[in-house]
Amino acid sequence: MELPFALSAGIITFVLAVIWGGPFVEVLKRLKIGKSIRAELGDIHSRKIGTPTMGGIMIVVSVFVISLIFNIASIIRTGGGASIFLPLFVLVGFSLLGLLDDWEGIANSRAHAEGKSPEKVGLGLSARAKLAGQVILALTAASFISLYQGGFSFANELILPLIPIRFSLPPIIFIPLAGFIIVAMSNAVNFTDGLDGLAGIITASAFAAYGVIGFLQGQIFLTQLCFIFVGACFAFLWYNAHPAQLFMGDVGSLPLGAVLGTVAVMSGQWLLLPIIALVPVIEIITVILQVWYYKSTKGPDGIGLRLFKRAPIHHHFELVGWSETQVVQRFWLVGLLSAMIGVALALL
């Protein structure tokens, strides 16, 4: 009955989030919490200006509340399942960081509309400040996973795909490595969030994969959390499907990626993360390659060459002629197949 219960939690999350999502969108509209578009994207996404953003709050609140409701009784009754608080800590911490970033971007856009800060339209926190916050939160979470022995089934573990061997890593290696995974995945999903429905459907597929892996490992609390995320992401997609009524914002994309990385670490199957979350990994790699190539090819005029027409890679495909819907659907097919491959490898 454990898997049906976890799936039911996801369904309940979806239904409740869709119900309160409609009024939430209207509140954002009334408060004029609208999307601003960076100058270099204005040519292809100008129609999206003003669409309500910070919709990730819908995912974060739904997951947090439903997870507590479904787990608090079990925790009080049996004392088990306390490990659920770790990913919830990551969820809240990264969502607050994303909230600050989104609000800063909105404030800068409003200042721009008043003739102030024209160079900062659509920009939020500085990259350095955002990264510092991510690193602090990720290392804190990684330390709890590593040091809270007995609370996490696969603390400090490395499971090799295709080989029935588990390695135990010392905390001095595990903590920075786990912290890197959490930060990297947080930014990867953040870069993926650029088209209607893309980040939501890709992360839902990845969480579903880790939900199955958690079930196979007997980590029912982790399984339940993953399918609650699936339900919340699907509810968000109800309003984010093209043409979007609501955008996720950093308040949603940062914690989604961070919790996905945390779940991968808690399962011990984090080597499968680049496969299960193939699309976000490709997205962040294309950004890194684009920046590196531009800087390495700079001429005397200070202008470099571009490896892609635009990064992240989903914008490149838009500029070569794919419609937004085609990009999202094809990327989702890749994401779904890669998640299935990841589960298959976990079974072997």
Protein backbone atom coordinates (compact mmCIF):
# COMPACT_ATOMS: atom_id res chain seq x y z
CA MET A 1 0.00 0.00 0.00
CA GLU A 2 3.01 2.33 0.25
CA LEU A 3 3.27 3.20 -3.45
CA PRO A 4 -0.50 3.74 -3.92
CA PHE A 5 -0.42 6.01 -0.85
CA ALA A 6 2.46 8.05 -2.33
CA LEU A 7 0.67 8.32 -5.69
CA SER A 8 -2.50 9.39 -3.90
CA ALA A 9 -0.54 12.14 -2.15
CA GLY A 10 0.54 13.42 -5.55
CA ILE A 11 -3.01 13.37 -6.89
CA ILE A 12 -4.35 15.21 -3.83
CA THR A 13 -1.61 17.81 -4.17
CA PHE A 14 -2.50 18.34 -7.83
CA VAL A 15 -6.21 18.78 -7.18
CA LEU A 16 -5.81 21.16 -4.24
CA ALA A 17 -3.13 23.24 -5.96
CA VAL A 18 -5.23 23.62 -9.12
CA ILE A 19 -8.17 24.78 -7.00
CA TRP A 20 -6.28 27.54 -5.20
CA GLY A 21 -4.04 28.28 -8.18
CA GLY A 22 -6.75 30.23 -10.02
CA PRO A 23 -7.30 32.79 -7.25
CA PHE A 24 -3.53 32.95 -6.75
CA VAL A 25 -3.02 33.99 -10.38
CA GLU A 26 -5.66 36.70 -9.97
CA VAL A 27 -3.93 38.03 -6.85
CA LEU A 28 -0.62 38.27 -8.72
CA LYS A 29 -2.37 40.14 -11.53
CA ARG A 30 -3.92 42.62 -9.12
CA LEU A 31 -0.56 43.19 -7.44
CA LYS A 32 1.02 43.63 -10.90
CA ILE A 33 3.69 41.02 -10.17
CA GLY A 34 4.48 40.81 -13.88
CA LYS A 35 7.23 39.25 -15.96
CA SER A 36 9.94 41.45 -17.42
CA ILE A 37 12.04 40.30 -20.36
CA ARG A 38 15.78 40.79 -20.72
CA ALA A 39 16.69 42.98 -23.68
CA GLU A 40 18.33 40.16 -25.64
CA LEU A 41 15.13 38.07 -25.44
CA GLY A 42 12.69 40.84 -26.26
CA ASP A 43 12.58 39.96 -29.95
CA ILE A 44 11.08 36.49 -29.39
CA HIS A 45 9.33 36.80 -26.02
CA SER A 46 7.96 40.34 -26.00
CA ARG A 47 4.38 39.04 -25.85
CA LYS A 48 5.11 37.57 -22.41
CA ILE A 49 5.86 40.90 -20.77
CA GLY A 50 3.49 41.49 -17.86
CA THR A 51 2.46 37.84 -17.39
CA PRO A 52 2.30 37.09 -13.62
CA THR A 53 5.50 35.60 -12.26
CA MET A 54 6.63 34.12 -8.93
CA GLY A 55 4.25 31.24 -9.62
CA GLY A 56 6.75 28.91 -7.98
CA ILE A 57 5.13 29.92 -4.69
CA MET A 58 2.26 27.70 -5.79
CA ILE A 59 4.59 24.69 -5.95
CA VAL A 60 6.52 25.48 -2.77
CA VAL A 61 3.49 26.10 -0.55
CA SER A 62 1.64 23.04 -1.88
CA VAL A 63 4.60 20.70 -1.36
CA PHE A 64 5.42 22.07 2.07
CA VAL A 65 1.88 21.92 3.46
CA ILE A 66 0.89 18.56 1.96
CA SER A 67 4.20 16.93 2.97
CA LEU A 68 3.76 18.03 6.57
CA ILE A 69 0.15 16.85 6.67
CA PHE A 70 1.01 13.43 5.27
CA ASN A 71 4.10 12.92 7.40
CA ILE A 72 3.55 14.63 10.75
CA ALA A 73 1.15 11.95 12.02
CA SER A 74 3.61 9.19 11.12
CA ILE A 75 6.48 11.07 12.73
CA ILE A 76 4.56 11.54 15.98
CA ARG A 77 3.29 7.96 16.00
CA THR A 78 6.44 6.05 15.03
CA GLY A 79 9.27 8.57 15.24
CA GLY A 80 10.23 7.68 11.68
CA GLY A 81 10.28 9.92 8.66
CA ALA A 82 12.01 12.86 10.33
CA SER A 83 14.40 12.90 7.37
CA ILE A 84 11.61 14.57 5.40
CA PHE A 85 12.50 17.84 7.13
CA LEU A 86 15.86 18.02 5.35
CA PRO A 87 14.47 18.40 1.79
CA LEU A 88 11.78 20.71 3.19
CA PHE A 89 14.54 22.88 4.68
CA VAL A 90 16.18 22.99 1.24
CA LEU A 91 12.81 23.79 -0.34
CA VAL A 92 12.11 26.74 1.96
CA GLY A 93 15.69 28.05 2.00
CA PHE A 94 16.13 28.11 -1.77
CA SER A 95 12.62 29.44 -2.33
CA LEU A 96 13.34 32.40 -0.04
CA LEU A 97 16.55 33.05 -1.97
CA GLY A 98 14.59 32.89 -5.23
CA LEU A 99 11.92 35.15 -3.77
CA LEU A 100 14.53 37.80 -3.02
CA ASP A 101 15.90 37.48 -6.54
CA ASP A 102 12.46 37.74 -8.16
CA TRP A 103 11.45 40.70 -6.02
CA GLU A 104 14.69 42.50 -6.78
CA GLY A 105 14.06 41.96 -10.49
CA ILE A 106 10.51 43.31 -10.21
CA ALA A 107 11.73 46.32 -8.25
CA ASN A 108 14.38 47.05 -10.88
CA SER A 109 11.79 46.76 -13.65
CA ARG A 110 9.50 49.20 -11.87
CA ALA A 111 12.43 51.59 -11.41
CA HIS A 112 13.16 51.27 -15.12
CA ALA A 113 9.55 52.17 -15.92
CA GLU A 114 10.07 55.35 -13.90
CA GLY A 115 13.22 56.22 -15.84
CA LYS A 116 15.67 54.78 -13.29
CA SER A 117 18.22 51.95 -13.56
CA PRO A 118 17.71 51.27 -17.29
CA GLU A 119 20.60 48.81 -17.31
CA LYS A 120 19.01 46.60 -14.63
CA VAL A 121 15.61 45.93 -16.15
CA GLY A 122 14.60 42.34 -15.34
CA LEU A 123 17.74 41.70 -13.28
CA GLY A 124 17.58 40.43 -9.70
CA LEU A 125 20.31 39.67 -7.20
CA SER A 126 23.88 39.70 -8.40
CA ALA A 127 25.22 36.34 -9.55
CA ARG A 128 27.77 36.39 -6.73
CA ALA A 129 25.17 37.01 -4.01
CA LYS A 130 22.85 34.34 -5.38
CA LEU A 131 25.65 31.78 -5.63
CA ALA A 132 26.84 32.54 -2.10
CA GLY A 133 23.35 31.92 -0.73
CA GLN A 134 23.05 28.67 -2.68
CA VAL A 135 26.42 27.40 -1.45
CA ILE A 136 25.63 28.14 2.20
CA LEU A 137 22.25 26.38 2.02
CA ALA A 138 23.62 23.42 0.06
CA LEU A 139 26.59 22.80 2.36
CA THR A 140 24.28 22.99 5.38
CA ALA A 141 21.99 20.37 3.87
CA ALA A 142 24.92 18.18 2.83
CA SER A 143 26.36 18.35 6.34
CA PHE A 144 23.09 17.19 7.88
CA ILE A 145 22.89 14.27 5.44
CA SER A 146 26.46 13.25 6.19
CA LEU A 147 26.53 13.72 9.95
CA TYR A 148 23.01 12.62 10.89
CA GLN A 149 23.90 8.93 10.86
CA GLY A 150 20.93 6.59 11.06
CA GLY A 151 18.51 9.25 9.87
CA PHE A 152 19.31 8.79 6.21
CA SER A 153 19.50 5.32 4.70
CA PHE A 154 22.19 6.21 2.18
CA ALA A 155 24.16 8.93 4.00
CA ASN A 156 27.67 9.28 2.54
CA GLU A 157 26.86 6.52 0.04
CA LEU A 158 27.86 6.20 -3.59
CA ILE A 159 25.97 3.56 -5.59
CA LEU A 160 27.56 2.58 -8.89
CA PRO A 161 25.07 1.92 -11.73
CA LEU A 162 25.22 -1.61 -13.18
CA ILE A 163 27.53 -2.72 -10.34
CA PRO A 164 26.00 -4.05 -7.07
CA ILE A 165 28.57 -2.22 -4.97
CA ARG A 166 28.11 0.66 -2.53
CA PHE A 167 30.95 2.89 -1.43
CA SER A 168 30.98 4.94 1.73
CA LEU A 169 32.59 8.35 1.24
CA PRO A 170 34.24 10.23 4.12
CA PRO A 171 32.42 13.45 5.12
CA ILE A 172 35.34 15.60 3.95
CA ILE A 173 34.65 14.37 0.39
CA PHE A 174 30.91 13.77 0.61
CA ILE A 175 29.86 17.18 1.98
CA PRO A 176 31.45 19.40 -0.71
CA LEU A 177 30.46 16.93 -3.42
CA ALA A 178 26.85 16.80 -2.28
CA GLY A 179 26.83 20.59 -1.91
CA PHE A 180 28.08 20.94 -5.49
CA ILE A 181 25.36 18.61 -6.78
CA ILE A 182 22.62 20.60 -5.03
CA VAL A 183 23.92 23.98 -6.25
CA ALA A 184 24.55 22.74 -9.79
CA MET A 185 21.08 21.24 -10.13
CA SER A 186 19.46 24.35 -8.67
CA ASN A 187 21.11 26.48 -11.36
CA ALA A 188 20.46 23.88 -14.07
CA VAL A 189 16.70 23.97 -13.48
CA ASN A 190 16.87 27.75 -13.22
CA PHE A 191 18.38 27.91 -16.73
CA THR A 192 15.78 25.42 -17.99
CA ASP A 193 12.97 27.72 -16.86
CA GLY A 194 12.68 29.82 -20.01
CA LEU A 195 9.74 28.48 -22.02
CA ASP A 196 6.11 27.79 -21.20
CA GLY A 197 5.85 24.42 -19.46
CA LEU A 198 9.49 23.40 -19.91
CA ALA A 199 10.95 23.43 -16.38
CA GLY A 200 7.77 22.09 -14.79
CA ILE A 201 7.39 19.06 -17.01
CA ILE A 202 11.10 18.19 -17.02
CA THR A 203 11.41 18.32 -13.22
CA ALA A 204 8.15 16.40 -12.76
CA SER A 205 9.59 13.57 -14.88
CA ALA A 206 12.82 13.57 -12.86
CA PHE A 207 10.99 13.54 -9.52
CA ALA A 208 8.81 10.66 -10.72
CA ALA A 209 11.96 8.70 -11.57
CA TYR A 210 13.48 9.26 -8.13
CA GLY A 211 10.13 8.45 -6.57
CA VAL A 212 10.32 5.00 -8.14
CA ILE A 213 13.95 4.63 -7.07
CA GLY A 214 13.06 5.61 -3.51
CA PHE A 215 10.29 3.01 -3.48
CA LEU A 216 12.69 0.32 -4.66
CA GLN A 217 15.01 1.28 -1.80
CA GLY A 218 12.23 1.22 0.78
CA GLN A 219 12.49 4.99 1.40
CA ILE A 220 8.74 5.55 1.43
CA PHE A 221 9.01 9.08 2.83
CA LEU A 222 11.29 10.06 -0.04
CA THR A 223 8.94 8.39 -2.52
CA GLN A 224 5.99 10.26 -1.11
CA LEU A 225 7.82 13.59 -1.29
CA CYS A 226 8.79 12.99 -4.92
CA PHE A 227 5.23 12.28 -6.02
CA ILE A 228 3.94 15.27 -4.07
CA PHE A 229 6.39 17.32 -6.15
CA VAL A 230 5.04 15.66 -9.30
CA GLY A 231 1.50 16.64 -8.34
CA ALA A 232 2.52 20.22 -7.53
CA CYS A 233 4.45 20.56 -10.81
CA PHE A 234 1.46 19.25 -12.77
CA ALA A 235 -0.81 21.75 -11.02
CA PHE A 236 1.58 24.56 -11.92
CA LEU A 237 1.63 23.32 -15.53
CA TRP A 238 -2.16 23.71 -15.55
CA TYR A 239 -1.53 27.47 -15.55
CA ASN A 240 1.89 27.45 -17.22
CA ALA A 241 0.93 25.53 -20.38
CA HIS A 242 1.40 27.56 -23.57
CA PRO A 243 0.35 30.34 -23.68
CA ALA A 244 1.26 30.66 -20.01
CA GLN A 245 -1.00 32.42 -17.53
CA LEU A 246 1.73 32.16 -14.90
CA PHE A 247 5.52 31.95 -14.79
CA MET A 248 7.58 30.05 -12.23
CA GLY A 249 10.28 32.58 -11.38
CA ASP A 250 13.39 31.85 -9.33
CA VAL A 251 11.19 31.28 -6.28
CA GLY A 252 10.21 28.03 -7.99
CA SER A 253 13.11 27.01 -10.22
CA LEU A 254 15.87 27.38 -7.61
CA PRO A 255 14.21 25.16 -4.95
CA LEU A 256 12.96 22.64 -7.53
CA GLY A 257 16.49 21.98 -8.73
CA ALA A 258 17.97 22.08 -5.24
CA VAL A 259 15.48 19.56 -3.83
CA LEU A 260 15.96 17.32 -6.87
CA GLY A 261 19.69 17.32 -6.17
CA THR A 262 19.03 16.67 -2.48
CA VAL A 263 16.75 13.73 -3.28
CA ALA A 264 19.41 12.27 -5.59
CA VAL A 265 22.01 12.53 -2.82
CA MET A 266 19.66 11.03 -0.21
CA SER A 267 18.98 8.07 -2.50
CA GLY A 268 22.68 7.40 -3.04
CA GLN A 269 21.91 7.28 -6.78
CA TRP A 270 23.33 10.69 -7.56
CA LEU A 271 25.50 9.33 -10.37
CA LEU A 272 22.25 8.78 -12.26
CA LEU A 273 21.22 12.43 -11.90
CA PRO A 274 22.92 13.60 -15.15
CA ILE A 275 20.88 10.94 -16.96
CA ILE A 276 17.56 11.38 -15.16
CA ALA A 277 17.83 15.19 -15.38
CA LEU A 278 19.54 15.17 -18.79
CA VAL A 279 17.78 18.26 -20.15
CA PRO A 280 18.68 20.61 -17.24
CA VAL A 281 22.26 19.28 -17.34
CA ILE A 282 22.52 20.05 -21.06
CA GLU A 283 20.99 23.49 -20.47
CA ILE A 284 23.61 24.51 -17.91
CA ILE A 285 26.47 23.00 -19.94
CA THR A 286 25.48 25.06 -22.98
CA VAL A 287 25.51 28.23 -20.88
CA ILE A 288 28.98 27.41 -19.54
CA LEU A 289 30.27 26.59 -23.05
CA GLN A 290 28.74 29.77 -24.48
CA VAL A 291 30.42 31.97 -21.87
CA TRP A 292 33.76 30.14 -22.19
CA TYR A 293 33.78 30.31 -26.01
CA TYR A 294 32.80 33.98 -26.06
CA LYS A 295 35.57 34.94 -23.65
CA SER A 296 38.21 32.76 -25.31
CA THR A 297 37.53 34.22 -28.78
CA LYS A 298 37.48 37.89 -27.81
CA GLY A 299 39.29 40.08 -30.29
CA PRO A 300 40.90 43.51 -29.87
CA ASP A 301 37.44 45.06 -30.01
CA GLY A 302 36.40 43.06 -26.93
CA ILE A 303 33.76 41.09 -28.86
CA GLY A 304 33.88 37.30 -29.01
CA LEU A 305 32.18 34.60 -31.07
CA ARG A 306 29.14 32.60 -30.00
CA LEU A 307 29.04 28.81 -30.02
CA PHE A 308 25.24 28.81 -30.06
CA LYS A 309 22.85 31.38 -31.47
CA ARG A 310 21.71 31.93 -27.90
CA ALA A 311 22.06 30.08 -24.61
CA PRO A 312 20.55 28.21 -22.81
CA ILE A 313 20.08 25.74 -25.65
CA HIS A 314 16.26 26.02 -25.82
CA HIS A 315 16.65 29.59 -27.12
CA HIS A 316 19.07 28.34 -29.77
CA PHE A 317 16.42 25.98 -31.14
CA GLU A 318 13.86 28.79 -31.14
CA LEU A 319 16.18 30.86 -33.32
CA VAL A 320 16.77 28.03 -35.79
CA GLY A 321 13.04 27.81 -36.45
CA TRP A 322 11.44 25.53 -33.84
CA SER A 323 8.27 26.89 -32.29
CA GLU A 324 8.11 27.22 -28.52
CA THR A 325 5.68 24.30 -28.34
CA GLN A 326 7.97 22.12 -30.47
CA VAL A 327 10.96 22.85 -28.23
CA VAL A 328 9.03 22.03 -25.05
CA GLN A 329 7.46 18.84 -26.41
CA ARG A 330 10.71 17.52 -27.89
CA PHE A 331 12.71 18.37 -24.78
CA TRP A 332 10.05 16.65 -22.67
CA LEU A 333 10.32 13.51 -24.82
CA VAL A 334 14.07 13.51 -24.22
CA GLY A 335 13.53 14.16 -20.51
CA LEU A 336 10.97 11.38 -20.18
CA LEU A 337 13.15 8.84 -22.00
CA SER A 338 16.22 9.79 -19.97
CA ALA A 339 14.24 9.43 -16.73
CA MET A 340 13.13 5.95 -17.84
CA ILE A 341 16.73 5.01 -18.63
CA GLY A 342 17.80 6.22 -15.19
CA VAL A 343 15.20 4.04 -13.46
CA ALA A 344 16.22 1.08 -15.60
CA LEU A 345 19.86 1.53 -14.59
CA ALA A 346 18.84 1.72 -10.93
CA LEU A 347 17.07 -1.64 -11.32
CA LEU A 348 20.10 -3.39 -12.78
